[in-house]
PDB file of N, CA and C in Angstrom:
ATOM      1  N   UNK A   1     -36.002  -7.509   2.676  1.00  0.00           N
ATOM      2  CA  UNK A   1     -34.884  -7.773   3.555  1.00  0.00           C
ATOM      3  C   UNK A   1     -35.301  -8.796   4.609  1.00  0.00           C
ATOM      4  N   UNK A   2     -34.399  -9.690   4.920  1.00  0.00           N
ATOM      5  CA  UNK A   2     -34.658 -10.737   5.903  1.00  0.00           C
ATOM      6  C   UNK A   2     -34.663 -10.144   7.309  1.00  0.00           C
ATOM      7  N   UNK A   3     -35.817 -10.089   7.931  1.00  0.00           N
ATOM      8  CA  UNK A   3     -35.947  -9.481   9.262  1.00  0.00           C
ATOM      9  C   UNK A   3     -35.338 -10.338  10.374  1.00  0.00           C
ATOM     10  N   UNK A   4     -34.929 -11.586  10.081  1.00  0.00           N
ATOM     11  CA  UNK A   4     -34.362 -12.427  11.136  1.00  0.00           C
ATOM     12  C   UNK A   4     -32.858 -12.217  11.292  1.00  0.00           C
ATOM     13  N   UNK A   5     -32.216 -11.500  10.371  1.00  0.00           N
ATOM     14  CA  UNK A   5     -30.781 -11.230  10.437  1.00  0.00           C
ATOM     15  C   UNK A   5     -30.553  -9.774  10.818  1.00  0.00           C
ATOM     16  N   UNK A   6     -29.368  -9.492  11.342  1.00  0.00           N
ATOM     17  CA  UNK A   6     -29.017  -8.106  11.653  1.00  0.00           C
ATOM     18  C   UNK A   6     -28.962  -7.303  10.354  1.00  0.00           C
ATOM     19  N   UNK A   7     -29.291  -6.033  10.470  1.00  0.00           N
ATOM     20  CA  UNK A   7     -29.255  -5.117   9.332  1.00  0.00           C
ATOM     21  C   UNK A   7     -28.137  -4.111   9.583  1.00  0.00           C
ATOM     22  N   UNK A   8     -27.285  -3.913   8.573  1.00  0.00           N
ATOM     23  CA  UNK A   8     -26.190  -2.958   8.661  1.00  0.00           C
ATOM     24  C   UNK A   8     -26.571  -1.719   7.870  1.00  0.00           C
ATOM     25  N   UNK A   9     -26.399  -0.558   8.513  1.00  0.00           N
ATOM     26  CA  UNK A   9     -26.722   0.741   7.916  1.00  0.00           C
ATOM     27  C   UNK A   9     -25.412   1.501   7.735  1.00  0.00           C
ATOM     28  N   UNK A  10     -25.168   2.007   6.514  1.00  0.00           N
ATOM     29  CA  UNK A  10     -23.932   2.739   6.245  1.00  0.00           C
ATOM     30  C   UNK A  10     -24.227   4.067   5.554  1.00  0.00           C
ATOM     31  N   UNK A  11     -23.476   5.084   5.973  1.00  0.00           N
ATOM     32  CA  UNK A  11     -23.556   6.417   5.378  1.00  0.00           C
ATOM     33  C   UNK A  11     -22.139   6.901   5.111  1.00  0.00           C
ATOM     34  N   UNK A  12     -21.982   7.747   4.080  1.00  0.00           N
ATOM     35  CA  UNK A  12     -20.674   8.252   3.695  1.00  0.00           C
ATOM     36  C   UNK A  12     -20.697   9.760   3.498  1.00  0.00           C
ATOM     37  N   UNK A  13     -19.609  10.419   3.945  1.00  0.00           N
ATOM     38  CA  UNK A  13     -19.400  11.844   3.711  1.00  0.00           C
ATOM     39  C   UNK A  13     -17.917  12.130   3.671  1.00  0.00           C
ATOM     40  N   UNK A  14     -17.552  13.412   3.552  1.00  0.00           N
ATOM     41  CA  UNK A  14     -16.143  13.799   3.557  1.00  0.00           C
ATOM     42  C   UNK A  14     -15.999  15.156   4.235  1.00  0.00           C
ATOM     43  N   UNK A  15     -14.872  15.311   4.920  1.00  0.00           N
ATOM     44  CA  UNK A  15     -14.533  16.557   5.607  1.00  0.00           C
ATOM     45  C   UNK A  15     -13.129  16.976   5.194  1.00  0.00           C
ATOM     46  N   UNK A  16     -12.769  18.235   5.518  1.00  0.00           N
ATOM     47  CA  UNK A  16     -11.387  18.664   5.330  1.00  0.00           C
ATOM     48  C   UNK A  16     -10.522  17.871   6.314  1.00  0.00           C
ATOM     49  N   UNK A  17      -9.400  17.364   5.844  1.00  0.00           N
ATOM     50  CA  UNK A  17      -8.561  16.493   6.664  1.00  0.00           C
ATOM     51  C   UNK A  17      -8.199  17.134   7.996  1.00  0.00           C
ATOM     52  N   UNK A  18      -7.918  18.419   8.009  1.00  0.00           N
ATOM     53  CA  UNK A  18      -7.525  19.076   9.268  1.00  0.00           C
ATOM     54  C   UNK A  18      -8.677  19.135  10.274  1.00  0.00           C
ATOM     55  N   UNK A  19      -9.896  18.868   9.849  1.00  0.00           N
ATOM     56  CA  UNK A  19     -11.048  18.883  10.751  1.00  0.00           C
ATOM     57  C   UNK A  19     -11.561  17.487  11.098  1.00  0.00           C
ATOM     58  N   UNK A  20     -10.823  16.456  10.705  1.00  0.00           N
ATOM     59  CA  UNK A  20     -11.282  15.081  10.932  1.00  0.00           C
ATOM     60  C   UNK A  20     -11.535  14.801  12.407  1.00  0.00           C
ATOM     61  N   UNK A  21     -10.577  15.104  13.263  1.00  0.00           N
ATOM     62  CA  UNK A  21     -10.731  14.801  14.696  1.00  0.00           C
ATOM     63  C   UNK A  21     -11.923  15.549  15.284  1.00  0.00           C
ATOM     64  N   UNK A  22     -12.112  16.811  14.894  1.00  0.00           N
ATOM     65  CA  UNK A  22     -13.251  17.594  15.386  1.00  0.00           C
ATOM     66  C   UNK A  22     -14.567  16.965  14.934  1.00  0.00           C
ATOM     67  N   UNK A  23     -14.618  16.562  13.668  1.00  0.00           N
ATOM     68  CA  UNK A  23     -15.868  15.995  13.145  1.00  0.00           C
ATOM     69  C   UNK A  23     -16.163  14.647  13.791  1.00  0.00           C
ATOM     70  N   UNK A  24     -15.162  13.820  13.957  1.00  0.00           N
ATOM     71  CA  UNK A  24     -15.370  12.523  14.606  1.00  0.00           C
ATOM     72  C   UNK A  24     -15.907  12.736  16.020  1.00  0.00           C
ATOM     73  N   UNK A  25     -15.339  13.676  16.758  1.00  0.00           N
ATOM     74  CA  UNK A  25     -15.835  13.965  18.113  1.00  0.00           C
ATOM     75  C   UNK A  25     -17.276  14.456  18.062  1.00  0.00           C
ATOM     76  N   UNK A  26     -17.601  15.295  17.080  1.00  0.00           N
ATOM     77  CA  UNK A  26     -18.964  15.805  16.912  1.00  0.00           C
ATOM     78  C   UNK A  26     -19.935  14.663  16.619  1.00  0.00           C
ATOM     79  N   UNK A  27     -19.567  13.762  15.704  1.00  0.00           N
ATOM     80  CA  UNK A  27     -20.439  12.641  15.354  1.00  0.00           C
ATOM     81  C   UNK A  27     -20.608  11.699  16.541  1.00  0.00           C
ATOM     82  N   UNK A  28     -19.575  11.538  17.346  1.00  0.00           N
ATOM     83  CA  UNK A  28     -19.708  10.720  18.561  1.00  0.00           C
ATOM     84  C   UNK A  28     -20.778  11.307  19.480  1.00  0.00           C
ATOM     85  N   UNK A  29     -20.810  12.643  19.604  1.00  0.00           N
ATOM     86  CA  UNK A  29     -21.782  13.308  20.487  1.00  0.00           C
ATOM     87  C   UNK A  29     -23.190  13.333  19.923  1.00  0.00           C
ATOM     88  N   UNK A  30     -23.319  13.222  18.602  1.00  0.00           N
ATOM     89  CA  UNK A  30     -24.628  13.348  17.966  1.00  0.00           C
ATOM     90  C   UNK A  30     -25.087  11.992  17.424  1.00  0.00           C
ATOM     91  N   UNK A  31     -24.686  11.667  16.231  1.00  0.00           N
ATOM     92  CA  UNK A  31     -25.175  10.461  15.555  1.00  0.00           C
ATOM     93  C   UNK A  31     -24.862   9.166  16.274  1.00  0.00           C
ATOM     94  N   UNK A  32     -23.621   9.001  16.726  1.00  0.00           N
ATOM     95  CA  UNK A  32     -23.264   7.752  17.408  1.00  0.00           C
ATOM     96  C   UNK A  32     -24.049   7.604  18.713  1.00  0.00           C
ATOM     97  N   UNK A  33     -24.174   8.695  19.449  1.00  0.00           N
ATOM     98  CA  UNK A  33     -24.959   8.650  20.698  1.00  0.00           C
ATOM     99  C   UNK A  33     -26.415   8.300  20.396  1.00  0.00           C
ATOM    100  N   UNK A  34     -26.965   8.896  19.328  1.00  0.00           N
ATOM    101  CA  UNK A  34     -28.358   8.601  18.959  1.00  0.00           C
ATOM    102  C   UNK A  34     -28.508   7.154  18.508  1.00  0.00           C
ATOM    103  N   UNK A  35     -27.580   6.670  17.676  1.00  0.00           N
ATOM    104  CA  UNK A  35     -27.630   5.258  17.272  1.00  0.00           C
ATOM    105  C   UNK A  35     -27.656   4.361  18.508  1.00  0.00           C
ATOM    106  N   UNK A  36     -26.639   4.543  19.353  1.00  0.00           N
ATOM    107  CA  UNK A  36     -26.424   3.628  20.476  1.00  0.00           C
ATOM    108  C   UNK A  36     -27.534   3.677  21.520  1.00  0.00           C
ATOM    109  N   UNK A  37     -28.251   4.785  21.579  1.00  0.00           N
ATOM    110  CA  UNK A  37     -29.319   4.890  22.579  1.00  0.00           C
ATOM    111  C   UNK A  37     -30.683   4.467  22.030  1.00  0.00           C
ATOM    112  N   UNK A  38     -30.757   4.136  20.747  1.00  0.00           N
ATOM    113  CA  UNK A  38     -32.019   3.695  20.148  1.00  0.00           C
ATOM    114  C   UNK A  38     -32.200   2.201  20.380  1.00  0.00           C
ATOM    115  N   UNK A  39     -33.327   1.787  20.943  1.00  0.00           N
ATOM    116  CA  UNK A  39     -33.566   0.355  21.145  1.00  0.00           C
ATOM    117  C   UNK A  39     -33.415  -0.418  19.831  1.00  0.00           C
ATOM    118  N   UNK A  40     -32.724  -1.526  19.904  1.00  0.00           N
ATOM    119  CA  UNK A  40     -32.499  -2.360  18.734  1.00  0.00           C
ATOM    120  C   UNK A  40     -31.155  -2.141  18.066  1.00  0.00           C
ATOM    121  N   UNK A  41     -30.416  -1.099  18.492  1.00  0.00           N
ATOM    122  CA  UNK A  41     -29.076  -0.904  17.951  1.00  0.00           C
ATOM    123  C   UNK A  41     -28.138  -1.912  18.599  1.00  0.00           C
ATOM    124  N   UNK A  42     -27.387  -2.616  17.762  1.00  0.00           N
ATOM    125  CA  UNK A  42     -26.449  -3.622  18.263  1.00  0.00           C
ATOM    126  C   UNK A  42     -25.056  -3.049  18.467  1.00  0.00           C
ATOM    127  N   UNK A  43     -24.629  -2.160  17.599  1.00  0.00           N
ATOM    128  CA  UNK A  43     -23.378  -1.430  17.758  1.00  0.00           C
ATOM    129  C   UNK A  43     -23.258  -0.403  16.644  1.00  0.00           C
ATOM    130  N   UNK A  44     -22.283   0.502  16.789  1.00  0.00           N
ATOM    131  CA  UNK A  44     -22.087   1.559  15.801  1.00  0.00           C
ATOM    132  C   UNK A  44     -20.656   2.057  15.899  1.00  0.00           C
ATOM    133  N   UNK A  45     -20.110   2.422  14.756  1.00  0.00           N
ATOM    134  CA  UNK A  45     -18.759   2.959  14.755  1.00  0.00           C
ATOM    135  C   UNK A  45     -18.556   3.897  13.576  1.00  0.00           C
ATOM    136  N   UNK A  46     -17.410   4.618  13.604  1.00  0.00           N
ATOM    137  CA  UNK A  46     -17.046   5.584  12.568  1.00  0.00           C
ATOM    138  C   UNK A  46     -15.731   5.119  11.939  1.00  0.00           C
ATOM    139  N   UNK A  47     -15.682   5.155  10.614  1.00  0.00           N
ATOM    140  CA  UNK A  47     -14.460   4.842   9.879  1.00  0.00           C
ATOM    141  C   UNK A  47     -13.973   6.117   9.199  1.00  0.00           C
ATOM    142  N   UNK A  48     -12.650   6.317   9.149  1.00  0.00           N
ATOM    143  CA  UNK A  48     -12.081   7.457   8.433  1.00  0.00           C
ATOM    144  C   UNK A  48     -11.018   6.954   7.463  1.00  0.00           C
ATOM    145  N   UNK A  49     -10.864   7.691   6.357  1.00  0.00           N
ATOM    146  CA  UNK A  49      -9.852   7.343   5.360  1.00  0.00           C
ATOM    147  C   UNK A  49      -9.369   8.623   4.701  1.00  0.00           C
ATOM    148  N   UNK A  50      -8.077   8.945   4.894  1.00  0.00           N
ATOM    149  CA  UNK A  50      -7.474  10.122   4.279  1.00  0.00           C
ATOM    150  C   UNK A  50      -7.386   9.884   2.776  1.00  0.00           C
ATOM    151  N   UNK A  51      -7.988  10.765   1.991  1.00  0.00           N
ATOM    152  CA  UNK A  51      -8.006  10.598   0.547  1.00  0.00           C
ATOM    153  C   UNK A  51      -6.783  11.211  -0.138  1.00  0.00           C
ATOM    154  N   UNK A  52      -5.931  11.894   0.630  1.00  0.00           N
ATOM    155  CA  UNK A  52      -4.697  12.432   0.078  1.00  0.00           C
ATOM    156  C   UNK A  52      -4.855  13.709  -0.719  1.00  0.00           C
ATOM    157  N   UNK A  53      -6.046  14.261  -0.749  1.00  0.00           N
ATOM    158  CA  UNK A  53      -6.299  15.492  -1.511  1.00  0.00           C
ATOM    159  C   UNK A  53      -6.775  16.625  -0.610  1.00  0.00           C
ATOM    160  N   UNK A  54      -6.505  16.473   0.688  1.00  0.00           N
ATOM    161  CA  UNK A  54      -6.972  17.474   1.650  1.00  0.00           C
ATOM    162  C   UNK A  54      -8.319  17.136   2.252  1.00  0.00           C
ATOM    163  N   UNK A  55      -8.896  15.996   1.845  1.00  0.00           N
ATOM    164  CA  UNK A  55     -10.169  15.566   2.422  1.00  0.00           C
ATOM    165  C   UNK A  55     -10.034  14.168   3.017  1.00  0.00           C
ATOM    166  N   UNK A  56     -10.910  13.891   3.941  1.00  0.00           N
ATOM    167  CA  UNK A  56     -10.971  12.587   4.589  1.00  0.00           C
ATOM    168  C   UNK A  56     -12.384  12.052   4.463  1.00  0.00           C
ATOM    169  N   UNK A  57     -12.493  10.829   3.984  1.00  0.00           N
ATOM    170  CA  UNK A  57     -13.788  10.175   3.882  1.00  0.00           C
ATOM    171  C   UNK A  57     -14.213   9.687   5.255  1.00  0.00           C
ATOM    172  N   UNK A  58     -15.485   9.867   5.557  1.00  0.00           N
ATOM    173  CA  UNK A  58     -16.081   9.422   6.814  1.00  0.00           C
ATOM    174  C   UNK A  58     -17.178   8.421   6.460  1.00  0.00           C
ATOM    175  N   UNK A  59     -17.175   7.281   7.123  1.00  0.00           N
ATOM    176  CA  UNK A  59     -18.246   6.309   6.947  1.00  0.00           C
ATOM    177  C   UNK A  59     -18.771   5.965   8.334  1.00  0.00           C
ATOM    178  N   UNK A  60     -20.089   6.064   8.511  1.00  0.00           N
ATOM    179  CA  UNK A  60     -20.687   5.583   9.753  1.00  0.00           C
ATOM    180  C   UNK A  60     -21.340   4.236   9.455  1.00  0.00           C
ATOM    181  N   UNK A  61     -21.148   3.326  10.389  1.00  0.00           N
ATOM    182  CA  UNK A  61     -21.668   1.971  10.260  1.00  0.00           C
ATOM    183  C   UNK A  61     -22.422   1.648  11.539  1.00  0.00           C
ATOM    184  N   UNK A  62     -23.609   1.129  11.399  1.00  0.00           N
ATOM    185  CA  UNK A  62     -24.353   0.689  12.574  1.00  0.00           C
ATOM    186  C   UNK A  62     -25.052  -0.625  12.255  1.00  0.00           C
ATOM    187  N   UNK A  63     -25.195  -1.448  13.285  1.00  0.00           N
ATOM    188  CA  UNK A  63     -25.900  -2.727  13.128  1.00  0.00           C
ATOM    189  C   UNK A  63     -27.149  -2.680  13.984  1.00  0.00           C
ATOM    190  N   UNK A  64     -28.216  -3.248  13.435  1.00  0.00           N
ATOM    191  CA  UNK A  64     -29.534  -3.181  14.055  1.00  0.00           C
ATOM    192  C   UNK A  64     -30.160  -4.556  14.066  1.00  0.00           C
ATOM    193  N   UNK A  65     -31.069  -4.764  15.015  1.00  0.00           N
ATOM    194  CA  UNK A  65     -31.747  -6.058  15.073  1.00  0.00           C
ATOM    195  C   UNK A  65     -32.885  -6.174  14.067  1.00  0.00           C
ATOM    196  N   UNK A  66     -33.323  -5.028  13.479  1.00  0.00           N
ATOM    197  CA  UNK A  66     -34.422  -5.072  12.512  1.00  0.00           C
ATOM    198  C   UNK A  66     -34.573  -3.730  11.805  1.00  0.00           C
ATOM    199  N   UNK A  67     -35.292  -3.740  10.707  1.00  0.00           N
ATOM    200  CA  UNK A  67     -35.633  -2.494  10.016  1.00  0.00           C
ATOM    201  C   UNK A  67     -36.534  -1.628  10.895  1.00  0.00           C
ATOM    202  N   UNK A  68     -37.383  -2.258  11.672  1.00  0.00           N
ATOM    203  CA  UNK A  68     -38.264  -1.503  12.571  1.00  0.00           C
ATOM    204  C   UNK A  68     -37.446  -0.691  13.569  1.00  0.00           C
ATOM    205  N   UNK A  69     -36.362  -1.253  14.068  1.00  0.00           N
ATOM    206  CA  UNK A  69     -35.499  -0.510  14.997  1.00  0.00           C
ATOM    207  C   UNK A  69     -34.843   0.672  14.307  1.00  0.00           C
ATOM    208  N   UNK A  70     -34.439   0.498  13.059  1.00  0.00           N
ATOM    209  CA  UNK A  70     -33.862   1.623  12.305  1.00  0.00           C
ATOM    210  C   UNK A  70     -34.885   2.731  12.165  1.00  0.00           C
ATOM    211  N   UNK A  71     -36.145   2.378  11.937  1.00  0.00           N
ATOM    212  CA  UNK A  71     -37.202   3.401  11.859  1.00  0.00           C
ATOM    213  C   UNK A  71     -37.298   4.200  13.160  1.00  0.00           C
ATOM    214  N   UNK A  72     -37.019   3.551  14.288  1.00  0.00           N
ATOM    215  CA  UNK A  72     -37.021   4.247  15.565  1.00  0.00           C
ATOM    216  C   UNK A  72     -35.972   5.342  15.623  1.00  0.00           C
ATOM    217  N   UNK A  73     -34.904   5.174  14.882  1.00  0.00           N
ATOM    218  CA  UNK A  73     -33.855   6.196  14.803  1.00  0.00           C
ATOM    219  C   UNK A  73     -34.120   7.179  13.657  1.00  0.00           C
ATOM    220  N   UNK A  74     -34.389   6.659  12.453  1.00  0.00           N
ATOM    221  CA  UNK A  74     -34.389   7.472  11.236  1.00  0.00           C
ATOM    222  C   UNK A  74     -35.750   7.970  10.797  1.00  0.00           C
ATOM    223  N   UNK A  75     -36.826   7.418  11.336  1.00  0.00           N
ATOM    224  CA  UNK A  75     -38.152   7.774  10.861  1.00  0.00           C
ATOM    225  C   UNK A  75     -38.616   6.788   9.800  1.00  0.00           C
ATOM    226  N   UNK A  76     -39.755   7.076   9.207  1.00  0.00           N
ATOM    227  CA  UNK A  76     -40.374   6.140   8.268  1.00  0.00           C
ATOM    228  C   UNK A  76     -39.548   5.877   7.016  1.00  0.00           C
ATOM    229  N   UNK A  77     -38.870   6.889   6.486  1.00  0.00           N
ATOM    230  CA  UNK A  77     -38.051   6.689   5.276  1.00  0.00           C
ATOM    231  C   UNK A  77     -36.615   6.421   5.706  1.00  0.00           C
ATOM    232  N   UNK A  78     -36.318   5.168   5.956  1.00  0.00           N
ATOM    233  CA  UNK A  78     -35.013   4.802   6.510  1.00  0.00           C
ATOM    234  C   UNK A  78     -33.870   4.992   5.521  1.00  0.00           C
ATOM    235  N   UNK A  79     -34.167   5.225   4.251  1.00  0.00           N
ATOM    236  CA  UNK A  79     -33.114   5.411   3.255  1.00  0.00           C
ATOM    237  C   UNK A  79     -32.596   6.849   3.196  1.00  0.00           C
ATOM    238  N   UNK A  80     -33.236   7.764   3.893  1.00  0.00           N
ATOM    239  CA  UNK A  80     -32.810   9.159   3.927  1.00  0.00           C
ATOM    240  C   UNK A  80     -31.833   9.339   5.087  1.00  0.00           C
ATOM    241  N   UNK A  81     -30.698   9.971   4.806  1.00  0.00           N
ATOM    242  CA  UNK A  81     -29.687  10.214   5.837  1.00  0.00           C
ATOM    243  C   UNK A  81     -30.212  11.186   6.892  1.00  0.00           C
ATOM    244  N   UNK A  82     -29.751  11.003   8.114  1.00  0.00           N
ATOM    245  CA  UNK A  82     -30.092  11.888   9.230  1.00  0.00           C
ATOM    246  C   UNK A  82     -28.908  12.828   9.451  1.00  0.00           C
ATOM    247  N   UNK A  83     -29.169  14.133   9.454  1.00  0.00           N
ATOM    248  CA  UNK A  83     -28.102  15.112   9.672  1.00  0.00           C
ATOM    249  C   UNK A  83     -28.368  15.896  10.940  1.00  0.00           C
ATOM    250  N   UNK A  84     -27.305  16.524  11.444  1.00  0.00           N
ATOM    251  CA  UNK A  84     -27.347  17.295  12.677  1.00  0.00           C
ATOM    252  C   UNK A  84     -26.908  18.731  12.377  1.00  0.00           C
ATOM    253  N   UNK A  85     -27.225  19.670  13.287  1.00  0.00           N
ATOM    254  CA  UNK A  85     -27.058  21.097  12.990  1.00  0.00           C
ATOM    255  C   UNK A  85     -25.678  21.522  12.468  1.00  0.00           C
ATOM    256  N   UNK A  86     -24.602  20.974  12.984  1.00  0.00           N
ATOM    257  CA  UNK A  86     -23.273  21.429  12.560  1.00  0.00           C
ATOM    258  C   UNK A  86     -22.700  20.641  11.391  1.00  0.00           C
ATOM    259  N   UNK A  87     -23.429  19.678  10.853  1.00  0.00           N
ATOM    260  CA  UNK A  87     -22.914  18.922   9.712  1.00  0.00           C
ATOM    261  C   UNK A  87     -22.551  19.849   8.548  1.00  0.00           C
ATOM    262  N   UNK A  88     -23.354  20.871   8.306  1.00  0.00           N
ATOM    263  CA  UNK A  88     -23.081  21.787   7.196  1.00  0.00           C
ATOM    264  C   UNK A  88     -21.732  22.483   7.354  1.00  0.00           C
ATOM    265  N   UNK A  89     -21.334  22.738   8.580  1.00  0.00           N
ATOM    266  CA  UNK A  89     -20.058  23.412   8.842  1.00  0.00           C
ATOM    267  C   UNK A  89     -18.874  22.522   8.478  1.00  0.00           C
ATOM    268  N   UNK A  90     -19.002  21.218   8.686  1.00  0.00           N
ATOM    269  CA  UNK A  90     -17.893  20.296   8.479  1.00  0.00           C
ATOM    270  C   UNK A  90     -17.876  19.622   7.112  1.00  0.00           C
ATOM    271  N   UNK A  91     -19.010  19.200   6.629  1.00  0.00           N
ATOM    272  CA  UNK A  91     -19.043  18.317   5.463  1.00  0.00           C
ATOM    273  C   UNK A  91     -18.782  19.057   4.158  1.00  0.00           C
ATOM    274  N   UNK A  92     -17.830  18.525   3.371  1.00  0.00           N
ATOM    275  CA  UNK A  92     -17.565  19.067   2.036  1.00  0.00           C
ATOM    276  C   UNK A  92     -18.223  18.191   0.973  1.00  0.00           C
ATOM    277  N   UNK A  93     -18.622  16.992   1.355  1.00  0.00           N
ATOM    278  CA  UNK A  93     -19.381  16.079   0.487  1.00  0.00           C
ATOM    279  C   UNK A  93     -20.190  15.172   1.394  1.00  0.00           C
ATOM    280  N   UNK A  94     -21.331  14.720   0.911  1.00  0.00           N
ATOM    281  CA  UNK A  94     -22.167  13.833   1.715  1.00  0.00           C
ATOM    282  C   UNK A  94     -23.138  13.067   0.839  1.00  0.00           C
ATOM    283  N   UNK A  95     -23.433  11.872   1.266  1.00  0.00           N
ATOM    284  CA  UNK A  95     -24.526  11.116   0.661  1.00  0.00           C
ATOM    285  C   UNK A  95     -25.808  11.558   1.351  1.00  0.00           C
ATOM    286  N   UNK A  96     -26.832  11.808   0.565  1.00  0.00           N
ATOM    287  CA  UNK A  96     -28.130  12.195   1.125  1.00  0.00           C
ATOM    288  C   UNK A  96     -28.945  10.968   1.525  1.00  0.00           C
ATOM    289  N   UNK A  97     -28.484   9.816   1.083  1.00  0.00           N
ATOM    290  CA  UNK A  97     -29.165   8.576   1.439  1.00  0.00           C
ATOM    291  C   UNK A  97     -28.171   7.624   2.082  1.00  0.00           C
ATOM    292  N   UNK A  98     -28.698   6.586   2.680  1.00  0.00           N
ATOM    293  CA  UNK A  98     -27.867   5.550   3.316  1.00  0.00           C
ATOM    294  C   UNK A  98     -28.126   4.234   2.614  1.00  0.00           C
ATOM    295  N   UNK A  99     -27.266   3.288   2.888  1.00  0.00           N
ATOM    296  CA  UNK A  99     -27.434   1.939   2.329  1.00  0.00           C
ATOM    297  C   UNK A  99     -27.654   0.977   3.473  1.00  0.00           C
ATOM    298  N   UNK A 100     -28.441  -0.048   3.197  1.00  0.00           N
ATOM    299  CA  UNK A 100     -28.718  -1.085   4.196  1.00  0.00           C
ATOM    300  C   UNK A 100     -28.384  -2.440   3.610  1.00  0.00           C
ATOM    301  N   UNK A 101     -27.782  -3.275   4.427  1.00  0.00           N
ATOM    302  CA  UNK A 101     -27.447  -4.639   4.027  1.00  0.00           C
ATOM    303  C   UNK A 101     -27.923  -5.604   5.108  1.00  0.00           C
ATOM    304  N   UNK A 102     -28.218  -6.816   4.725  1.00  0.00           N
ATOM    305  CA  UNK A 102     -28.473  -7.895   5.670  1.00  0.00           C
ATOM    306  C   UNK A 102     -27.122  -8.512   6.003  1.00  0.00           C
ATOM    307  N   UNK A 103     -26.846  -8.669   7.278  1.00  0.00           N
ATOM    308  CA  UNK A 103     -25.589  -9.292   7.690  1.00  0.00           C
ATOM    309  C   UNK A 103     -25.689 -10.796   7.429  1.00  0.00           C
ATOM    310  N   UNK A 104     -24.839 -11.307   6.565  1.00  0.00           N
ATOM    311  CA  UNK A 104     -24.892 -12.709   6.157  1.00  0.00           C
ATOM    312  C   UNK A 104     -24.162 -13.626   7.135  1.00  0.00           C
ATOM    313  N   UNK A 105     -23.118 -13.122   7.768  1.00  0.00           N
ATOM    314  CA  UNK A 105     -22.391 -13.964   8.730  1.00  0.00           C
ATOM    315  C   UNK A 105     -21.695 -13.106   9.756  1.00  0.00           C
TER     316      UNK A 105
END
């Protein structure tokens, strides 16, 4: 990966639609706060999409100045997703890994 460009980190999960607002608030207090307070984080946000089957897809997106900064948040294996204590209560599906991209423009 090109260390001179920003790196985008994305994770995906799903919750019951009726719990979307609760989960988004929870992620703001946990993961988003941790992303934003880690040196090298450029920004972070949460995306939601109602799947129409009683579940809502959740995607977290964060931009970083380097892979080294991501390690400051995620640890040495940056491809493993970071979870928090109440995630099990909310999540009906989750990716155990994350994806990273180099921001091209």
